[in-house]
């Protein structure tokens, strides 16, 4: 037989145990090129630049998405 809890865990005790399990909000920074908010250490989804270089072809991505719909 597997172990069984001796007493019911109350809602307050359960909540206190889960107090540190909240999902953190993502840190956003302002893109220096287009001034839109973007996640840190990631390429900007609006203009496709990262650290001053263009790394994503945004026009091709939007055209591909428009073709899907």
PDB file of N, CA and C in Angstrom:
ATOM      1  N   UNK A   1       0.839  -1.185   0.000  1.00  0.00           N
ATOM      2  CA  UNK A   1       0.000   0.000   0.000  1.00  0.00           C
ATOM      3  C   UNK A   1       0.879   1.241   0.000  1.00  0.00           C
ATOM      4  N   UNK A   2       0.404   2.232  -0.672  1.00  0.00           N
ATOM      5  CA  UNK A   2       1.157   3.489  -0.708  1.00  0.00           C
ATOM      6  C   UNK A   2       0.788   4.359   0.488  1.00  0.00           C
ATOM      7  N   UNK A   3       1.671   5.290   0.868  1.00  0.00           N
ATOM      8  CA  UNK A   3       1.370   6.149   2.017  1.00  0.00           C
ATOM      9  C   UNK A   3       0.179   7.061   1.757  1.00  0.00           C
ATOM     10  N   UNK A   4      -0.547   7.344   2.801  1.00  0.00           N
ATOM     11  CA  UNK A   4      -1.741   8.174   2.719  1.00  0.00           C
ATOM     12  C   UNK A   4      -1.555   9.368   3.655  1.00  0.00           C
ATOM     13  N   UNK A   5      -1.971  10.577   3.263  1.00  0.00           N
ATOM     14  CA  UNK A   5      -1.847  11.731   4.155  1.00  0.00           C
ATOM     15  C   UNK A   5      -2.643  11.521   5.441  1.00  0.00           C
ATOM     16  N   UNK A   6      -2.053  11.901   6.559  1.00  0.00           N
ATOM     17  CA  UNK A   6      -2.722  11.715   7.847  1.00  0.00           C
ATOM     18  C   UNK A   6      -3.863  12.702   8.026  1.00  0.00           C
ATOM     19  N   UNK A   7      -3.649  13.969   7.560  1.00  0.00           N
ATOM     20  CA  UNK A   7      -4.680  14.995   7.689  1.00  0.00           C
ATOM     21  C   UNK A   7      -4.831  15.735   6.368  1.00  0.00           C
ATOM     22  N   UNK A   8      -5.998  16.327   6.198  1.00  0.00           N
ATOM     23  CA  UNK A   8      -6.264  17.113   4.997  1.00  0.00           C
ATOM     24  C   UNK A   8      -5.444  18.406   5.037  1.00  0.00           C
ATOM     25  N   UNK A   9      -4.838  18.760   3.915  1.00  0.00           N
ATOM     26  CA  UNK A   9      -4.081  20.010   3.829  1.00  0.00           C
ATOM     27  C   UNK A   9      -5.059  21.146   3.578  1.00  0.00           C
ATOM     28  N   UNK A  10      -5.041  22.150   4.446  1.00  0.00           N
ATOM     29  CA  UNK A  10      -5.974  23.265   4.300  1.00  0.00           C
ATOM     30  C   UNK A  10      -5.579  24.140   3.110  1.00  0.00           C
ATOM     31  N   UNK A  11      -6.520  24.955   2.663  1.00  0.00           N
ATOM     32  CA  UNK A  11      -6.275  25.827   1.517  1.00  0.00           C
ATOM     33  C   UNK A  11      -5.197  26.856   1.816  1.00  0.00           C
ATOM     34  N   UNK A  12      -5.169  27.349   3.057  1.00  0.00           N
ATOM     35  CA  UNK A  12      -4.155  28.349   3.405  1.00  0.00           C
ATOM     36  C   UNK A  12      -2.759  27.731   3.441  1.00  0.00           C
ATOM     37  N   UNK A  13      -2.637  26.546   3.970  1.00  0.00           N
ATOM     38  CA  UNK A  13      -1.335  25.876   4.008  1.00  0.00           C
ATOM     39  C   UNK A  13      -0.877  25.528   2.594  1.00  0.00           C
ATOM     40  N   UNK A  14      -1.809  25.102   1.791  1.00  0.00           N
ATOM     41  CA  UNK A  14      -1.509  24.775   0.402  1.00  0.00           C
ATOM     42  C   UNK A  14      -1.052  26.026  -0.351  1.00  0.00           C
ATOM     43  N   UNK A  15      -1.733  27.153  -0.087  1.00  0.00           N
ATOM     44  CA  UNK A  15      -1.357  28.408  -0.727  1.00  0.00           C
ATOM     45  C   UNK A  15      -0.006  28.912  -0.265  1.00  0.00           C
ATOM     46  N   UNK A  16       0.294  28.753   1.020  1.00  0.00           N
ATOM     47  CA  UNK A  16       1.603  29.167   1.539  1.00  0.00           C
ATOM     48  C   UNK A  16       2.718  28.326   0.932  1.00  0.00           C
ATOM     49  N   UNK A  17       2.453  27.061   0.702  1.00  0.00           N
ATOM     50  CA  UNK A  17       3.457  26.197   0.093  1.00  0.00           C
ATOM     51  C   UNK A  17       3.719  26.616  -1.356  1.00  0.00           C
ATOM     52  N   UNK A  18       2.673  27.065  -2.039  1.00  0.00           N
ATOM     53  CA  UNK A  18       2.798  27.443  -3.446  1.00  0.00           C
ATOM     54  C   UNK A  18       3.108  28.926  -3.644  1.00  0.00           C
ATOM     55  N   UNK A  19       3.483  29.623  -2.577  1.00  0.00           N
ATOM     56  CA  UNK A  19       3.714  31.067  -2.658  1.00  0.00           C
ATOM     57  C   UNK A  19       4.838  31.420  -3.620  1.00  0.00           C
ATOM     58  N   UNK A  20       5.796  30.532  -3.816  1.00  0.00           N
ATOM     59  CA  UNK A  20       6.956  30.828  -4.656  1.00  0.00           C
ATOM     60  C   UNK A  20       6.824  30.248  -6.057  1.00  0.00           C
ATOM     61  N   UNK A  21       5.674  29.734  -6.405  1.00  0.00           N
ATOM     62  CA  UNK A  21       5.496  29.093  -7.702  1.00  0.00           C
ATOM     63  C   UNK A  21       4.915  30.019  -8.761  1.00  0.00           C
ATOM     64  N   UNK A  22       4.817  31.309  -8.481  1.00  0.00           N
ATOM     65  CA  UNK A  22       4.225  32.240  -9.439  1.00  0.00           C
ATOM     66  C   UNK A  22       5.121  32.368 -10.669  1.00  0.00           C
ATOM     67  N   UNK A  23       4.511  32.530 -11.830  1.00  0.00           N
ATOM     68  CA  UNK A  23       5.249  32.712 -13.073  1.00  0.00           C
ATOM     69  C   UNK A  23       5.746  34.147 -13.125  1.00  0.00           C
ATOM     70  N   UNK A  24       7.025  34.311 -13.370  1.00  0.00           N
ATOM     71  CA  UNK A  24       7.616  35.652 -13.413  1.00  0.00           C
ATOM     72  C   UNK A  24       7.253  36.339 -14.727  1.00  0.00           C
ATOM     73  N   UNK A  25       7.015  37.640 -14.674  1.00  0.00           N
ATOM     74  CA  UNK A  25       6.732  38.388 -15.893  1.00  0.00           C
ATOM     75  C   UNK A  25       8.020  38.547 -16.690  1.00  0.00           C
ATOM     76  N   UNK A  26       7.952  38.460 -18.012  1.00  0.00           N
ATOM     77  CA  UNK A  26       9.175  38.562 -18.807  1.00  0.00           C
ATOM     78  C   UNK A  26       9.740  39.975 -18.766  1.00  0.00           C
ATOM     79  N   UNK A  27      11.070  40.062 -18.703  1.00  0.00           N
ATOM     80  CA  UNK A  27      11.726  41.360 -18.727  1.00  0.00           C
ATOM     81  C   UNK A  27      11.731  41.882 -20.159  1.00  0.00           C
ATOM     82  N   UNK A  28      11.184  43.059 -20.354  1.00  0.00           N
ATOM     83  CA  UNK A  28      11.137  43.662 -21.677  1.00  0.00           C
ATOM     84  C   UNK A  28      12.042  44.877 -21.706  1.00  0.00           C
ATOM     85  N   UNK A  29      12.727  45.055 -22.830  1.00  0.00           N
ATOM     86  CA  UNK A  29      13.555  46.232 -23.050  1.00  0.00           C
ATOM     87  C   UNK A  29      13.078  46.900 -24.330  1.00  0.00           C
ATOM     88  N   UNK A  30      13.453  48.151 -24.526  1.00  0.00           N
ATOM     89  CA  UNK A  30      13.053  48.893 -25.718  1.00  0.00           C
ATOM     90  C   UNK A  30      14.063  48.615 -26.822  1.00  0.00           C
ATOM     91  N   UNK A  31      13.581  48.254 -27.997  1.00  0.00           N
ATOM     92  CA  UNK A  31      14.446  48.010 -29.149  1.00  0.00           C
ATOM     93  C   UNK A  31      15.059  49.336 -29.592  1.00  0.00           C
ATOM     94  N   UNK A  32      16.380  49.413 -29.758  1.00  0.00           N
ATOM     95  CA  UNK A  32      16.995  50.680 -30.159  1.00  0.00           C
ATOM     96  C   UNK A  32      16.661  51.095 -31.589  1.00  0.00           C
ATOM     97  N   UNK A  33      16.265  50.137 -32.443  1.00  0.00           N
ATOM     98  CA  UNK A  33      15.949  50.456 -33.834  1.00  0.00           C
ATOM     99  C   UNK A  33      14.531  51.007 -33.987  1.00  0.00           C
ATOM    100  N   UNK A  34      13.541  50.238 -33.517  1.00  0.00           N
ATOM    101  CA  UNK A  34      12.143  50.592 -33.779  1.00  0.00           C
ATOM    102  C   UNK A  34      11.397  51.070 -32.536  1.00  0.00           C
ATOM    103  N   UNK A  35      12.047  51.064 -31.371  1.00  0.00           N
ATOM    104  CA  UNK A  35      11.463  51.550 -30.115  1.00  0.00           C
ATOM    105  C   UNK A  35      10.266  50.718 -29.638  1.00  0.00           C
ATOM    106  N   UNK A  36      10.143  49.486 -30.077  1.00  0.00           N
ATOM    107  CA  UNK A  36       9.061  48.629 -29.588  1.00  0.00           C
ATOM    108  C   UNK A  36       9.612  47.731 -28.477  1.00  0.00           C
ATOM    109  N   UNK A  37       8.771  47.296 -27.537  1.00  0.00           N
ATOM    110  CA  UNK A  37       9.271  46.416 -26.476  1.00  0.00           C
ATOM    111  C   UNK A  37       9.581  45.030 -27.020  1.00  0.00           C
ATOM    112  N   UNK A  38      10.684  44.466 -26.547  1.00  0.00           N
ATOM    113  CA  UNK A  38      11.090  43.124 -26.965  1.00  0.00           C
ATOM    114  C   UNK A  38      11.699  42.411 -25.773  1.00  0.00           C
ATOM    115  N   UNK A  39      11.686  41.061 -25.745  1.00  0.00           N
ATOM    116  CA  UNK A  39      12.312  40.317 -24.648  1.00  0.00           C
ATOM    117  C   UNK A  39      13.830  40.499 -24.667  1.00  0.00           C
ATOM    118  N   UNK A  40      14.447  40.427 -23.501  1.00  0.00           N
ATOM    119  CA  UNK A  40      15.894  40.572 -23.430  1.00  0.00           C
ATOM    120  C   UNK A  40      16.586  39.377 -24.073  1.00  0.00           C
ATOM    121  N   UNK A  41      17.741  39.600 -24.659  1.00  0.00           N
ATOM    122  CA  UNK A  41      18.588  38.587 -25.283  1.00  0.00           C
ATOM    123  C   UNK A  41      17.869  37.847 -26.409  1.00  0.00           C
ATOM    124  N   UNK A  42      16.957  38.518 -27.091  1.00  0.00           N
ATOM    125  CA  UNK A  42      16.260  37.926 -28.235  1.00  0.00           C
ATOM    126  C   UNK A  42      16.154  38.960 -29.339  1.00  0.00           C
ATOM    127  N   UNK A  43      16.025  38.493 -30.570  1.00  0.00           N
ATOM    128  CA  UNK A  43      15.859  39.399 -31.699  1.00  0.00           C
ATOM    129  C   UNK A  43      14.495  40.075 -31.613  1.00  0.00           C
ATOM    130  N   UNK A  44      14.421  41.308 -32.087  1.00  0.00           N
ATOM    131  CA  UNK A  44      13.169  42.062 -32.058  1.00  0.00           C
ATOM    132  C   UNK A  44      12.191  41.438 -33.053  1.00  0.00           C
ATOM    133  N   UNK A  45      10.982  41.077 -32.637  1.00  0.00           N
ATOM    134  CA  UNK A  45      10.030  40.478 -33.569  1.00  0.00           C
ATOM    135  C   UNK A  45       9.456  41.473 -34.563  1.00  0.00           C
ATOM    136  N   UNK A  46       9.589  42.780 -34.298  1.00  0.00           N
ATOM    137  CA  UNK A  46       9.012  43.796 -35.180  1.00  0.00           C
ATOM    138  C   UNK A  46       9.964  44.133 -36.321  1.00  0.00           C
ATOM    139  N   UNK A  47      11.232  44.449 -35.980  1.00  0.00           N
ATOM    140  CA  UNK A  47      12.178  44.872 -37.021  1.00  0.00           C
ATOM    141  C   UNK A  47      13.208  43.799 -37.357  1.00  0.00           C
ATOM    142  N   UNK A  48      13.359  42.768 -36.538  1.00  0.00           N
ATOM    143  CA  UNK A  48      14.255  41.661 -36.844  1.00  0.00           C
ATOM    144  C   UNK A  48      15.715  41.918 -36.548  1.00  0.00           C
ATOM    145  N   UNK A  49      16.042  42.882 -35.697  1.00  0.00           N
ATOM    146  CA  UNK A  49      17.442  43.168 -35.398  1.00  0.00           C
ATOM    147  C   UNK A  49      17.812  42.647 -34.016  1.00  0.00           C
ATOM    148  N   UNK A  50      19.100  42.342 -33.868  1.00  0.00           N
ATOM    149  CA  UNK A  50      19.659  41.957 -32.575  1.00  0.00           C
ATOM    150  C   UNK A  50      21.074  42.490 -32.507  1.00  0.00           C
ATOM    151  N   UNK A  51      21.341  43.293 -31.481  1.00  0.00           N
ATOM    152  CA  UNK A  51      22.643  43.917 -31.256  1.00  0.00           C
ATOM    153  C   UNK A  51      23.124  44.694 -32.482  1.00  0.00           C
ATOM    154  N   UNK A  52      22.197  45.405 -33.123  1.00  0.00           N
ATOM    155  CA  UNK A  52      22.544  46.274 -34.242  1.00  0.00           C
ATOM    156  C   UNK A  52      22.605  45.599 -35.594  1.00  0.00           C
ATOM    157  N   UNK A  53      22.420  44.290 -35.647  1.00  0.00           N
ATOM    158  CA  UNK A  53      22.464  43.580 -36.928  1.00  0.00           C
ATOM    159  C   UNK A  53      21.091  43.011 -37.249  1.00  0.00           C
ATOM    160  N   UNK A  54      20.771  42.930 -38.535  1.00  0.00           N
ATOM    161  CA  UNK A  54      19.500  42.334 -38.938  1.00  0.00           C
ATOM    162  C   UNK A  54      19.683  40.826 -39.009  1.00  0.00           C
ATOM    163  N   UNK A  55      18.953  40.106 -38.195  1.00  0.00           N
ATOM    164  CA  UNK A  55      19.095  38.654 -38.127  1.00  0.00           C
ATOM    165  C   UNK A  55      17.842  37.922 -38.604  1.00  0.00           C
ATOM    166  N   UNK A  56      16.715  38.614 -38.693  1.00  0.00           N
ATOM    167  CA  UNK A  56      15.477  38.009 -39.180  1.00  0.00           C
ATOM    168  C   UNK A  56      14.969  38.788 -40.380  1.00  0.00           C
ATOM    169  N   UNK A  57      14.497  38.063 -41.387  1.00  0.00           N
ATOM    170  CA  UNK A  57      13.873  38.714 -42.536  1.00  0.00           C
ATOM    171  C   UNK A  57      12.382  38.826 -42.227  1.00  0.00           C
ATOM    172  N   UNK A  58      11.990  39.961 -41.664  1.00  0.00           N
ATOM    173  CA  UNK A  58      10.620  40.150 -41.183  1.00  0.00           C
ATOM    174  C   UNK A  58       9.631  40.195 -42.340  1.00  0.00           C
ATOM    175  N   UNK A  59      10.029  40.779 -43.469  1.00  0.00           N
ATOM    176  CA  UNK A  59       9.127  40.869 -44.622  1.00  0.00           C
ATOM    177  C   UNK A  59       8.765  39.480 -45.136  1.00  0.00           C
ATOM    178  N   UNK A  60       9.735  38.580 -45.185  1.00  0.00           N
ATOM    179  CA  UNK A  60       9.461  37.219 -45.650  1.00  0.00           C
ATOM    180  C   UNK A  60       8.560  36.479 -44.665  1.00  0.00           C
ATOM    181  N   UNK A  61       8.769  36.715 -43.366  1.00  0.00           N
ATOM    182  CA  UNK A  61       7.934  36.050 -42.363  1.00  0.00           C
ATOM    183  C   UNK A  61       6.481  36.505 -42.457  1.00  0.00           C
ATOM    184  N   UNK A  62       6.256  37.808 -42.640  1.00  0.00           N
ATOM    185  CA  UNK A  62       4.881  38.304 -42.732  1.00  0.00           C
ATOM    186  C   UNK A  62       4.217  37.824 -44.021  1.00  0.00           C
ATOM    187  N   UNK A  63       4.989  37.742 -45.117  1.00  0.00           N
ATOM    188  CA  UNK A  63       4.424  37.242 -46.370  1.00  0.00           C
ATOM    189  C   UNK A  63       4.053  35.763 -46.240  1.00  0.00           C
ATOM    190  N   UNK A  64       4.893  34.998 -45.556  1.00  0.00           N
ATOM    191  CA  UNK A  64       4.621  33.581 -45.363  1.00  0.00           C
ATOM    192  C   UNK A  64       3.384  33.385 -44.499  1.00  0.00           C
ATOM    193  N   UNK A  65       3.244  34.214 -43.455  1.00  0.00           N
ATOM    194  CA  UNK A  65       2.065  34.116 -42.595  1.00  0.00           C
ATOM    195  C   UNK A  65       0.797  34.524 -43.330  1.00  0.00           C
ATOM    196  N   UNK A  66       0.891  35.525 -44.198  1.00  0.00           N
ATOM    197  CA  UNK A  66      -0.281  35.960 -44.958  1.00  0.00           C
ATOM    198  C   UNK A  66      -0.706  34.882 -45.953  1.00  0.00           C
ATOM    199  N   UNK A  67       0.254  34.140 -46.485  1.00  0.00           N
ATOM    200  CA  UNK A  67      -0.052  33.057 -47.415  1.00  0.00           C
ATOM    201  C   UNK A  67      -0.748  31.894 -46.750  1.00  0.00           C
ATOM    202  N   UNK A  68      -0.479  31.678 -45.476  1.00  0.00           N
ATOM    203  CA  UNK A  68      -1.104  30.581 -44.738  1.00  0.00           C
ATOM    204  C   UNK A  68      -2.574  30.819 -44.471  1.00  0.00           C
ATOM    205  N   UNK A  69      -2.939  32.059 -44.261  1.00  0.00           N
ATOM    206  CA  UNK A  69      -4.320  32.356 -43.869  1.00  0.00           C
ATOM    207  C   UNK A  69      -5.255  32.430 -45.023  1.00  0.00           C
TER     208      UNK A  69
END
